[in-house]
Protein backbone atom coordinates (compact mmCIF):
# COMPACT_ATOMS: atom_id res chain seq x y z
CA UNK A 1 -7.74 -0.60 -11.03
CA UNK A 2 -8.05 -1.10 -7.12
CA UNK A 3 -11.45 -3.07 -7.91
CA UNK A 4 -9.74 -4.88 -10.72
CA UNK A 5 -6.97 -6.21 -8.36
CA UNK A 6 -9.33 -7.02 -5.72
CA UNK A 7 -11.56 -9.02 -8.09
CA UNK A 8 -8.39 -11.04 -9.26
CA UNK A 9 -7.37 -11.70 -5.86
CA UNK A 10 -10.79 -13.29 -5.17
CA UNK A 11 -10.95 -15.05 -8.43
CA UNK A 12 -7.97 -16.73 -7.80
CA UNK A 13 -8.82 -17.81 -4.10
CA UNK A 14 -6.03 -15.44 -2.81
CA UNK A 15 -6.02 -13.14 0.00
CA UNK A 16 -4.47 -9.87 0.40
CA UNK A 17 -1.05 -10.03 1.74
CA UNK A 18 -0.78 -9.48 5.37
CA UNK A 19 2.39 -7.30 4.53
CA UNK A 20 0.07 -5.01 2.71
CA UNK A 21 -2.51 -4.52 5.60
CA UNK A 22 0.37 -4.06 7.94
CA UNK A 23 1.78 -1.37 6.04
CA UNK A 24 -1.71 0.40 5.23
CA UNK A 25 -2.63 0.25 8.98
CA UNK A 26 0.60 1.56 10.08
CA UNK A 27 0.44 4.30 7.81
CA UNK A 28 -3.01 5.27 8.89
CA UNK A 29 -2.21 5.01 12.58
CA UNK A 30 0.82 7.12 12.11
CA UNK A 31 2.94 4.29 13.58
CA UNK A 32 6.34 5.05 11.85
CA UNK A 33 8.30 2.37 13.95
CA UNK A 34 5.98 -0.45 12.58
CA UNK A 35 5.83 1.10 9.11
CA UNK A 36 9.61 1.17 9.11
CA UNK A 37 9.92 -2.14 10.44
CA UNK A 38 7.70 -3.68 7.76
CA UNK A 39 9.46 -1.97 4.90
CA UNK A 40 12.68 -3.18 6.49
CA UNK A 41 11.89 -6.83 6.52
CA UNK A 42 10.68 -6.37 2.77
CA UNK A 43 14.01 -5.10 1.77
CA UNK A 44 15.21 -8.95 1.54
CA UNK A 45 12.59 -9.90 -0.86
CA UNK A 46 12.96 -10.32 -4.65
CA UNK A 47 11.23 -7.70 -6.99
CA UNK A 48 8.84 -10.12 -8.21
CA UNK A 49 7.74 -10.66 -4.50
CA UNK A 50 7.68 -7.10 -3.88
CA UNK A 51 5.49 -5.81 -6.50
CA UNK A 52 2.36 -7.69 -5.55
CA UNK A 53 2.51 -6.39 -1.97
CA UNK A 54 2.76 -2.82 -3.23
CA UNK A 55 0.09 -3.43 -5.64
CA UNK A 56 -2.22 -4.75 -2.93
CA UNK A 57 -1.04 -1.57 -0.74
CA UNK A 58 -2.01 0.61 -3.39
CA UNK A 59 -5.64 -0.99 -3.76
CA UNK A 60 -6.09 -0.42 0.15
CA UNK A 61 -5.12 3.10 -0.56
CA UNK A 62 -7.46 3.18 -3.68
CA UNK A 63 -10.38 1.81 -1.83
CA UNK A 64 -10.12 4.29 1.07
CA UNK A 65 -10.15 7.17 -1.41
CA UNK A 66 -13.29 5.41 -2.79
CA UNK A 67 -14.82 5.26 0.57
CA UNK A 68 -13.89 8.92 1.31
CA UNK A 69 -15.26 10.40 -1.76
CA UNK A 70 -18.51 8.03 -1.83
CA UNK A 71 -18.81 8.49 2.24
CA UNK A 72 -19.37 4.95 2.42
CA UNK A 73 -17.62 2.16 4.93
CA UNK A 74 -14.41 0.23 3.57
CA UNK A 75 -12.95 -2.72 5.35
CA UNK A 76 -10.20 -3.11 7.49
CA UNK A 77 -7.19 -1.12 7.01
CA UNK A 78 -8.98 0.95 4.11
CA UNK A 79 -11.31 2.03 6.51
CA UNK A 80 -8.89 3.23 8.92
CA UNK A 81 -7.04 5.18 5.99
CA UNK A 82 -10.46 6.51 4.87
CA UNK A 83 -10.85 8.05 8.52
CA UNK A 84 -7.39 9.13 9.39
CA UNK A 85 -5.94 10.61 6.26
CA UNK A 86 -7.13 13.45 4.21
CA UNK A 87 -8.02 12.88 0.32
CA UNK A 88 -5.06 14.83 -0.98
CA UNK A 89 -2.48 12.70 1.42
CA UNK A 90 -4.05 9.52 0.08
CA UNK A 91 -3.53 10.61 -3.44
CA UNK A 92 -0.03 11.61 -2.88
CA UNK A 93 0.62 7.75 -1.27
CA UNK A 94 -1.10 6.33 -4.36
CA UNK A 95 1.23 7.98 -6.43
CA UNK A 96 4.23 7.20 -4.14
CA UNK A 97 3.28 3.65 -4.68
CA UNK A 98 2.86 3.86 -8.16
CA UNK A 99 6.14 5.45 -8.31
CA UNK A 100 7.88 2.77 -6.07
CA UNK A 101 6.59 0.10 -8.39
CA UNK A 102 7.42 1.84 -11.66
CA UNK A 103 11.06 2.11 -10.32
CA UNK A 104 10.99 -1.44 -9.08
CA UNK A 105 10.19 -2.45 -12.68
CA UNK A 106 12.86 -0.07 -13.99
CA UNK A 107 15.44 -2.38 -12.17
CA UNK A 108 15.97 -0.22 -8.88
CA UNK A 109 16.82 -2.14 -6.13
CA UNK A 110 14.35 -3.49 -3.68
CA UNK A 111 16.35 -1.86 -0.63
CA UNK A 112 16.05 1.51 -2.31
CA UNK A 113 12.54 1.14 -3.20
CA UNK A 114 11.47 0.19 0.53
CA UNK A 115 13.89 3.07 1.61
CA UNK A 116 11.82 5.66 -0.62
CA UNK A 117 8.69 4.49 0.74
CA UNK A 118 9.92 4.71 4.39
CA UNK A 119 10.73 8.38 3.74
CA UNK A 120 7.36 9.30 1.88
CA UNK A 121 4.83 7.30 4.21
CA UNK A 122 5.48 9.13 7.30
């Protein structure tokens, strides 16, 4: 799924959202303040704007898991995640991001989704 999202982004000429990179990098560094700040700013987004950011963040986590499993290099925030987080923690975060996306699709408020992620991504 991560590879598919990455290919779709490249095919559409789009780049990864900077907010997804910020979330992944702050989580990798253990920087709770930056992570919470990024998620708080996203509370004002509409659901349709939030979901692609979460999908891209999940793709970064998937890329990090792949790099860790295959002992290969990844790019940017994915490499930082692969180096600093265990495979178990990456899997948990991947599932938490999926849970957040499922909640957003089920009409849970964006603020609640961001709050959930702020509490889980520590």
